[in-house]
Amino acid sequence: MGKRLVIVLDMPDRRLAVPNPANYRFAVFCCSYKMDMGSTPDHALALFVDQAMAERYGAWMWPTTFQVVDLEDPLGARK
């Protein structure tokens, strides 16, 4: 079985929970390549638990180019 990297964070405010990346299923990409603005692969710029929130955020930030990818879908962005 593969090894997992575990990062332990101390939050500066004890009222804030430490984020668990495994909780965030939907990744939002700006897709700069669609406007010939990038030559390297785009990185996810935001992660969301909820698909509808991911769609709203992407539409607000990059209305004509964004893409939301379900990280739990085996096809991912290839759909």
PDB file of N, CA and C in Angstrom:
ATOM      1  N   MET A   1       0.834  -1.174   0.000  1.00  0.00           N
ATOM      2  CA  MET A   1       0.000   0.000   0.000  1.00  0.00           C
ATOM      3  C   MET A   1       0.881   1.240   0.000  1.00  0.00           C
ATOM      4  N   GLY A   2       0.484   2.298  -0.714  1.00  0.00           N
ATOM      5  CA  GLY A   2       1.285   3.500  -0.830  1.00  0.00           C
ATOM      6  C   GLY A   2       1.348   4.298   0.457  1.00  0.00           C
ATOM      7  N   LYS A   3       2.375   5.087   0.571  1.00  0.00           N
ATOM      8  CA  LYS A   3       2.536   5.946   1.739  1.00  0.00           C
ATOM      9  C   LYS A   3       1.751   7.232   1.534  1.00  0.00           C
ATOM     10  N   ARG A   4       1.251   7.789   2.631  1.00  0.00           N
ATOM     11  CA  ARG A   4       0.543   9.064   2.574  1.00  0.00           C
ATOM     12  C   ARG A   4       1.323  10.089   3.367  1.00  0.00           C
ATOM     13  N   LEU A   5       1.393  11.280   2.854  1.00  0.00           N
ATOM     14  CA  LEU A   5       2.020  12.384   3.554  1.00  0.00           C
ATOM     15  C   LEU A   5       0.969  13.029   4.437  1.00  0.00           C
ATOM     16  N   VAL A   6       1.262  13.163   5.701  1.00  0.00           N
ATOM     17  CA  VAL A   6       0.338  13.797   6.632  1.00  0.00           C
ATOM     18  C   VAL A   6       0.980  15.079   7.122  1.00  0.00           C
ATOM     19  N   ILE A   7       0.263  16.176   6.972  1.00  0.00           N
ATOM     20  CA  ILE A   7       0.748  17.471   7.426  1.00  0.00           C
ATOM     21  C   ILE A   7      -0.097  17.887   8.623  1.00  0.00           C
ATOM     22  N   VAL A   8       0.552  18.214   9.709  1.00  0.00           N
ATOM     23  CA  VAL A   8      -0.157  18.653  10.904  1.00  0.00           C
ATOM     24  C   VAL A   8      -0.007  20.162  11.002  1.00  0.00           C
ATOM     25  N   LEU A   9      -1.138  20.845  11.066  1.00  0.00           N
ATOM     26  CA  LEU A   9      -1.135  22.298  11.149  1.00  0.00           C
ATOM     27  C   LEU A   9      -1.615  22.747  12.518  1.00  0.00           C
ATOM     28  N   ASP A  10      -0.995  23.767  13.040  1.00  0.00           N
ATOM     29  CA  ASP A  10      -1.511  24.432  14.228  1.00  0.00           C
ATOM     30  C   ASP A  10      -2.209  25.686  13.741  1.00  0.00           C
ATOM     31  N   MET A  11      -3.506  25.765  13.998  1.00  0.00           N
ATOM     32  CA  MET A  11      -4.262  26.928  13.562  1.00  0.00           C
ATOM     33  C   MET A  11      -3.994  28.081  14.525  1.00  0.00           C
ATOM     34  N   PRO A  12      -3.836  29.308  13.997  1.00  0.00           N
ATOM     35  CA  PRO A  12      -3.552  30.450  14.856  1.00  0.00           C
ATOM     36  C   PRO A  12      -4.731  30.802  15.776  1.00  0.00           C
ATOM     37  N   ASP A  13      -5.913  30.403  15.402  1.00  0.00           N
ATOM     38  CA  ASP A  13      -7.111  30.669  16.202  1.00  0.00           C
ATOM     39  C   ASP A  13      -7.752  29.326  16.518  1.00  0.00           C
ATOM     40  N   ARG A  14      -7.873  28.982  17.765  1.00  0.00           N
ATOM     41  CA  ARG A  14      -8.397  27.665  18.148  1.00  0.00           C
ATOM     42  C   ARG A  14      -9.850  27.466  17.743  1.00  0.00           C
ATOM     43  N   ARG A  15     -10.535  28.535  17.329  1.00  0.00           N
ATOM     44  CA  ARG A  15     -11.926  28.416  16.871  1.00  0.00           C
ATOM     45  C   ARG A  15     -12.015  27.986  15.412  1.00  0.00           C
ATOM     46  N   LEU A  16     -10.886  27.905  14.732  1.00  0.00           N
ATOM     47  CA  LEU A  16     -10.846  27.470  13.336  1.00  0.00           C
ATOM     48  C   LEU A  16     -10.399  26.016  13.271  1.00  0.00           C
ATOM     49  N   ALA A  17     -11.179  25.208  12.579  1.00  0.00           N
ATOM     50  CA  ALA A  17     -10.815  23.796  12.422  1.00  0.00           C
ATOM     51  C   ALA A  17      -9.695  23.660  11.398  1.00  0.00           C
ATOM     52  N   VAL A  18      -8.848  22.691  11.591  1.00  0.00           N
ATOM     53  CA  VAL A  18      -7.783  22.404  10.629  1.00  0.00           C
ATOM     54  C   VAL A  18      -8.435  21.789   9.388  1.00  0.00           C
ATOM     55  N   PRO A  19      -8.201  22.367   8.202  1.00  0.00           N
ATOM     56  CA  PRO A  19      -8.817  21.832   6.983  1.00  0.00           C
ATOM     57  C   PRO A  19      -8.299  20.431   6.653  1.00  0.00           C
ATOM     58  N   ASN A  20      -9.196  19.596   6.200  1.00  0.00           N
ATOM     59  CA  ASN A  20      -8.839  18.252   5.752  1.00  0.00           C
ATOM     60  C   ASN A  20      -9.061  18.203   4.241  1.00  0.00           C
ATOM     61  N   PRO A  21      -8.000  18.179   3.432  1.00  0.00           N
ATOM     62  CA  PRO A  21      -8.155  18.198   1.975  1.00  0.00           C
ATOM     63  C   PRO A  21      -9.054  17.090   1.431  1.00  0.00           C
ATOM     64  N   ALA A  22      -9.142  15.973   2.132  1.00  0.00           N
ATOM     65  CA  ALA A  22      -9.984  14.867   1.665  1.00  0.00           C
ATOM     66  C   ALA A  22     -11.468  15.232   1.667  1.00  0.00           C
ATOM     67  N   ASN A  23     -11.841  16.279   2.392  1.00  0.00           N
ATOM     68  CA  ASN A  23     -13.244  16.707   2.450  1.00  0.00           C
ATOM     69  C   ASN A  23     -13.673  17.490   1.212  1.00  0.00           C
ATOM     70  N   TYR A  24     -12.732  17.933   0.411  1.00  0.00           N
ATOM     71  CA  TYR A  24     -13.040  18.819  -0.710  1.00  0.00           C
ATOM     72  C   TYR A  24     -13.024  18.036  -2.014  1.00  0.00           C
ATOM     73  N   ARG A  25     -14.206  17.785  -2.536  1.00  0.00           N
ATOM     74  CA  ARG A  25     -14.372  16.901  -3.693  1.00  0.00           C
ATOM     75  C   ARG A  25     -14.268  17.627  -5.033  1.00  0.00           C
ATOM     76  N   PHE A  26     -14.598  18.913  -5.077  1.00  0.00           N
ATOM     77  CA  PHE A  26     -14.688  19.633  -6.350  1.00  0.00           C
ATOM     78  C   PHE A  26     -13.579  20.679  -6.468  1.00  0.00           C
ATOM     79  N   ALA A  27     -12.828  20.606  -7.556  1.00  0.00           N
ATOM     80  CA  ALA A  27     -11.734  21.535  -7.817  1.00  0.00           C
ATOM     81  C   ALA A  27     -12.146  22.502  -8.923  1.00  0.00           C
ATOM     82  N   VAL A  28     -11.804  23.776  -8.740  1.00  0.00           N
ATOM     83  CA  VAL A  28     -12.117  24.802  -9.736  1.00  0.00           C
ATOM     84  C   VAL A  28     -10.819  25.238 -10.410  1.00  0.00           C
ATOM     85  N   PHE A  29     -10.838  25.210 -11.725  1.00  0.00           N
ATOM     86  CA  PHE A  29      -9.701  25.632 -12.537  1.00  0.00           C
ATOM     87  C   PHE A  29     -10.107  26.858 -13.346  1.00  0.00           C
ATOM     88  N   CYS A  30      -9.192  27.814 -13.531  1.00  0.00           N
ATOM     89  CA  CYS A  30      -9.518  29.002 -14.332  1.00  0.00           C
ATOM     90  C   CYS A  30      -9.428  28.713 -15.823  1.00  0.00           C
ATOM     91  N   CYS A  31      -8.637  27.726 -16.209  1.00  0.00           N
ATOM     92  CA  CYS A  31      -8.477  27.309 -17.615  1.00  0.00           C
ATOM     93  C   CYS A  31      -7.932  28.430 -18.494  1.00  0.00           C
ATOM     94  N   SER A  32      -6.814  28.998 -18.080  1.00  0.00           N
ATOM     95  CA  SER A  32      -6.188  30.081 -18.847  1.00  0.00           C
ATOM     96  C   SER A  32      -5.794  29.640 -20.250  1.00  0.00           C
ATOM     97  N   TYR A  33      -5.583  28.347 -20.444  1.00  0.00           N
ATOM     98  CA  TYR A  33      -5.205  27.845 -21.771  1.00  0.00           C
ATOM     99  C   TYR A  33      -6.294  28.113 -22.807  1.00  0.00           C
ATOM    100  N   LYS A  34      -7.539  28.253 -22.367  1.00  0.00           N
ATOM    101  CA  LYS A  34      -8.637  28.514 -23.301  1.00  0.00           C
ATOM    102  C   LYS A  34      -8.523  29.892 -23.942  1.00  0.00           C
ATOM    103  N   MET A  35      -7.721  30.772 -23.330  1.00  0.00           N
ATOM    104  CA  MET A  35      -7.515  32.118 -23.870  1.00  0.00           C
ATOM    105  C   MET A  35      -6.059  32.298 -24.304  1.00  0.00           C
ATOM    106  N   ASP A  36      -5.347  31.189 -24.495  1.00  0.00           N
ATOM    107  CA  ASP A  36      -3.921  31.221 -24.855  1.00  0.00           C
ATOM    108  C   ASP A  36      -3.098  32.048 -23.872  1.00  0.00           C
ATOM    109  N   MET A  37      -3.427  31.923 -22.587  1.00  0.00           N
ATOM    110  CA  MET A  37      -2.721  32.694 -21.558  1.00  0.00           C
ATOM    111  C   MET A  37      -1.760  31.837 -20.738  1.00  0.00           C
ATOM    112  N   GLY A  38      -1.644  30.585 -21.074  1.00  0.00           N
ATOM    113  CA  GLY A  38      -0.736  29.735 -20.311  1.00  0.00           C
ATOM    114  C   GLY A  38      -0.269  28.558 -21.141  1.00  0.00           C
ATOM    115  N   SER A  39       0.942  28.126 -20.871  1.00  0.00           N
ATOM    116  CA  SER A  39       1.469  26.978 -21.606  1.00  0.00           C
ATOM    117  C   SER A  39       1.713  25.784 -20.688  1.00  0.00           C
ATOM    118  N   THR A  40       1.596  26.002 -19.388  1.00  0.00           N
ATOM    119  CA  THR A  40       1.773  24.909 -18.432  1.00  0.00           C
ATOM    120  C   THR A  40       0.408  24.466 -17.924  1.00  0.00           C
ATOM    121  N   PRO A  41       0.304  23.263 -17.402  1.00  0.00           N
ATOM    122  CA  PRO A  41      -0.988  22.796 -16.885  1.00  0.00           C
ATOM    123  C   PRO A  41      -1.509  23.708 -15.768  1.00  0.00           C
ATOM    124  N   ASP A  42      -2.800  23.985 -15.806  1.00  0.00           N
ATOM    125  CA  ASP A  42      -3.435  24.793 -14.758  1.00  0.00           C
ATOM    126  C   ASP A  42      -3.520  23.993 -13.467  1.00  0.00           C
ATOM    127  N   HIS A  43      -3.321  24.671 -12.367  1.00  0.00           N
ATOM    128  CA  HIS A  43      -3.524  24.074 -11.050  1.00  0.00           C
ATOM    129  C   HIS A  43      -4.912  24.458 -10.564  1.00  0.00           C
ATOM    130  N   ALA A  44      -5.491  23.628  -9.715  1.00  0.00           N
ATOM    131  CA  ALA A  44      -6.770  23.987  -9.100  1.00  0.00           C
ATOM    132  C   ALA A  44      -6.546  25.241  -8.266  1.00  0.00           C
ATOM    133  N   LEU A  45      -7.460  26.195  -8.379  1.00  0.00           N
ATOM    134  CA  LEU A  45      -7.328  27.440  -7.641  1.00  0.00           C
ATOM    135  C   LEU A  45      -8.248  27.505  -6.439  1.00  0.00           C
ATOM    136  N   ALA A  46      -9.206  26.594  -6.368  1.00  0.00           N
ATOM    137  CA  ALA A  46     -10.107  26.534  -5.215  1.00  0.00           C
ATOM    138  C   ALA A  46     -10.664  25.124  -5.104  1.00  0.00           C
ATOM    139  N   LEU A  47     -10.925  24.706  -3.880  1.00  0.00           N
ATOM    140  CA  LEU A  47     -11.521  23.399  -3.609  1.00  0.00           C
ATOM    141  C   LEU A  47     -12.803  23.605  -2.818  1.00  0.00           C
ATOM    142  N   PHE A  48     -13.821  22.824  -3.145  1.00  0.00           N
ATOM    143  CA  PHE A  48     -15.119  22.961  -2.493  1.00  0.00           C
ATOM    144  C   PHE A  48     -15.679  21.599  -2.121  1.00  0.00           C
ATOM    145  N   VAL A  49     -16.498  21.587  -1.081  1.00  0.00           N
ATOM    146  CA  VAL A  49     -17.239  20.398  -0.675  1.00  0.00           C
ATOM    147  C   VAL A  49     -18.441  20.218  -1.586  1.00  0.00           C
ATOM    148  N   ASP A  50     -19.037  21.325  -2.002  1.00  0.00           N
ATOM    149  CA  ASP A  50     -20.306  21.341  -2.728  1.00  0.00           C
ATOM    150  C   ASP A  50     -20.102  21.757  -4.190  1.00  0.00           C
ATOM    151  N   GLN A  51     -20.667  20.996  -5.116  1.00  0.00           N
ATOM    152  CA  GLN A  51     -20.502  21.292  -6.539  1.00  0.00           C
ATOM    153  C   GLN A  51     -21.151  22.612  -6.928  1.00  0.00           C
ATOM    154  N   ALA A  52     -22.331  22.897  -6.394  1.00  0.00           N
ATOM    155  CA  ALA A  52     -23.023  24.140  -6.748  1.00  0.00           C
ATOM    156  C   ALA A  52     -22.201  25.359  -6.341  1.00  0.00           C
ATOM    157  N   MET A  53     -21.579  25.308  -5.175  1.00  0.00           N
ATOM    158  CA  MET A  53     -20.730  26.422  -4.741  1.00  0.00           C
ATOM    159  C   MET A  53     -19.505  26.552  -5.639  1.00  0.00           C
ATOM    160  N   ALA A  54     -18.942  25.427  -6.047  1.00  0.00           N
ATOM    161  CA  ALA A  54     -17.793  25.453  -6.952  1.00  0.00           C
ATOM    162  C   ALA A  54     -18.176  26.091  -8.281  1.00  0.00           C
ATOM    163  N   GLU A  55     -19.351  25.733  -8.801  1.00  0.00           N
ATOM    164  CA  GLU A  55     -19.835  26.305 -10.068  1.00  0.00           C
ATOM    165  C   GLU A  55     -20.057  27.813  -9.932  1.00  0.00           C
ATOM    166  N   ARG A  56     -20.670  28.240  -8.831  1.00  0.00           N
ATOM    167  CA  ARG A  56     -20.917  29.680  -8.627  1.00  0.00           C
ATOM    168  C   ARG A  56     -19.610  30.451  -8.540  1.00  0.00           C
ATOM    169  N   TYR A  57     -18.664  29.908  -7.788  1.00  0.00           N
ATOM    170  CA  TYR A  57     -17.374  30.573  -7.637  1.00  0.00           C
ATOM    171  C   TYR A  57     -16.654  30.686  -8.978  1.00  0.00           C
ATOM    172  N   GLY A  58     -16.607  29.593  -9.718  1.00  0.00           N
ATOM    173  CA  GLY A  58     -15.952  29.615 -11.027  1.00  0.00           C
ATOM    174  C   GLY A  58     -16.595  30.609 -11.972  1.00  0.00           C
ATOM    175  N   ALA A  59     -17.923  30.645 -11.992  1.00  0.00           N
ATOM    176  CA  ALA A  59     -18.645  31.571 -12.871  1.00  0.00           C
ATOM    177  C   ALA A  59     -18.409  33.022 -12.467  1.00  0.00           C
ATOM    178  N   TRP A  60     -18.241  33.261 -11.185  1.00  0.00           N
ATOM    179  CA  TRP A  60     -18.003  34.619 -10.698  1.00  0.00           C
ATOM    180  C   TRP A  60     -16.581  35.075 -11.033  1.00  0.00           C
ATOM    181  N   MET A  61     -15.606  34.187 -10.865  1.00  0.00           N
ATOM    182  CA  MET A  61     -14.211  34.563 -11.072  1.00  0.00           C
ATOM    183  C   MET A  61     -13.771  34.521 -12.539  1.00  0.00           C
ATOM    184  N   TRP A  62     -14.168  33.493 -13.276  1.00  0.00           N
ATOM    185  CA  TRP A  62     -13.736  33.290 -14.662  1.00  0.00           C
ATOM    186  C   TRP A  62     -14.942  32.866 -15.496  1.00  0.00           C
ATOM    187  N   PRO A  63     -15.869  33.773 -15.776  1.00  0.00           N
ATOM    188  CA  PRO A  63     -17.162  33.404 -16.374  1.00  0.00           C
ATOM    189  C   PRO A  63     -17.088  32.645 -17.696  1.00  0.00           C
ATOM    190  N   THR A  64     -16.074  32.853 -18.486  1.00  0.00           N
ATOM    191  CA  THR A  64     -16.055  32.220 -19.812  1.00  0.00           C
ATOM    192  C   THR A  64     -15.097  31.038 -19.926  1.00  0.00           C
ATOM    193  N   THR A  65     -14.274  30.805 -18.908  1.00  0.00           N
ATOM    194  CA  THR A  65     -13.254  29.770 -19.070  1.00  0.00           C
ATOM    195  C   THR A  65     -13.199  28.710 -17.979  1.00  0.00           C
ATOM    196  N   PHE A  66     -13.802  28.929 -16.833  1.00  0.00           N
ATOM    197  CA  PHE A  66     -13.612  28.031 -15.692  1.00  0.00           C
ATOM    198  C   PHE A  66     -14.094  26.607 -15.968  1.00  0.00           C
ATOM    199  N   GLN A  67     -13.581  25.689 -15.165  1.00  0.00           N
ATOM    200  CA  GLN A  67     -14.018  24.291 -15.226  1.00  0.00           C
ATOM    201  C   GLN A  67     -14.002  23.725 -13.811  1.00  0.00           C
ATOM    202  N   VAL A  68     -15.053  22.986 -13.466  1.00  0.00           N
ATOM    203  CA  VAL A  68     -15.134  22.307 -12.174  1.00  0.00           C
ATOM    204  C   VAL A  68     -14.915  20.819 -12.419  1.00  0.00           C
ATOM    205  N   VAL A  69     -14.018  20.225 -11.649  1.00  0.00           N
ATOM    206  CA  VAL A  69     -13.696  18.807 -11.796  1.00  0.00           C
ATOM    207  C   VAL A  69     -14.049  18.083 -10.502  1.00  0.00           C
ATOM    208  N   ASP A  70     -14.789  16.989 -10.642  1.00  0.00           N
ATOM    209  CA  ASP A  70     -15.125  16.123  -9.512  1.00  0.00           C
ATOM    210  C   ASP A  70     -13.929  15.206  -9.272  1.00  0.00           C
ATOM    211  N   LEU A  71     -13.241  15.406  -8.171  1.00  0.00           N
ATOM    212  CA  LEU A  71     -12.016  14.656  -7.897  1.00  0.00           C
ATOM    213  C   LEU A  71     -12.278  13.192  -7.561  1.00  0.00           C
ATOM    214  N   GLU A  72     -13.525  12.849  -7.256  1.00  0.00           N
ATOM    215  CA  GLU A  72     -13.859  11.455  -6.957  1.00  0.00           C
ATOM    216  C   GLU A  72     -14.349  10.697  -8.181  1.00  0.00           C
ATOM    217  N   ASP A  73     -14.513  11.388  -9.301  1.00  0.00           N
ATOM    218  CA  ASP A  73     -14.950  10.753 -10.543  1.00  0.00           C
ATOM    219  C   ASP A  73     -13.717  10.205 -11.259  1.00  0.00           C
ATOM    220  N   PRO A  74     -13.693   8.918 -11.571  1.00  0.00           N
ATOM    221  CA  PRO A  74     -12.509   8.346 -12.221  1.00  0.00           C
ATOM    222  C   PRO A  74     -12.171   8.991 -13.565  1.00  0.00           C
ATOM    223  N   LEU A  75     -13.157   9.555 -14.249  1.00  0.00           N
ATOM    224  CA  LEU A  75     -12.883  10.225 -15.524  1.00  0.00           C
ATOM    225  C   LEU A  75     -12.378  11.644 -15.314  1.00  0.00           C
ATOM    226  N   GLY A  76     -12.684  12.239 -14.174  1.00  0.00           N
ATOM    227  CA  GLY A  76     -12.205  13.579 -13.852  1.00  0.00           C
ATOM    228  C   GLY A  76     -12.510  14.586 -14.935  1.00  0.00           C
ATOM    229  N   ALA A  77     -11.477  15.295 -15.386  1.00  0.00           N
ATOM    230  CA  ALA A  77     -11.639  16.351 -16.383  1.00  0.00           C
ATOM    231  C   ALA A  77     -11.751  15.816 -17.801  1.00  0.00           C
ATOM    232  N   ARG A  78     -11.644  14.516 -17.989  1.00  0.00           N
ATOM    233  CA  ARG A  78     -11.683  13.958 -19.346  1.00  0.00           C
ATOM    234  C   ARG A  78     -13.090  13.863 -19.903  1.00  0.00           C
ATOM    235  N   LYS A  79     -14.079  14.210 -19.127  1.00  0.00           N
ATOM    236  CA  LYS A  79     -15.470  14.142 -19.609  1.00  0.00           C
ATOM    237  C   LYS A  79     -15.726  15.195 -20.653  1.00  0.00           C
TER     238      LYS A  79
END
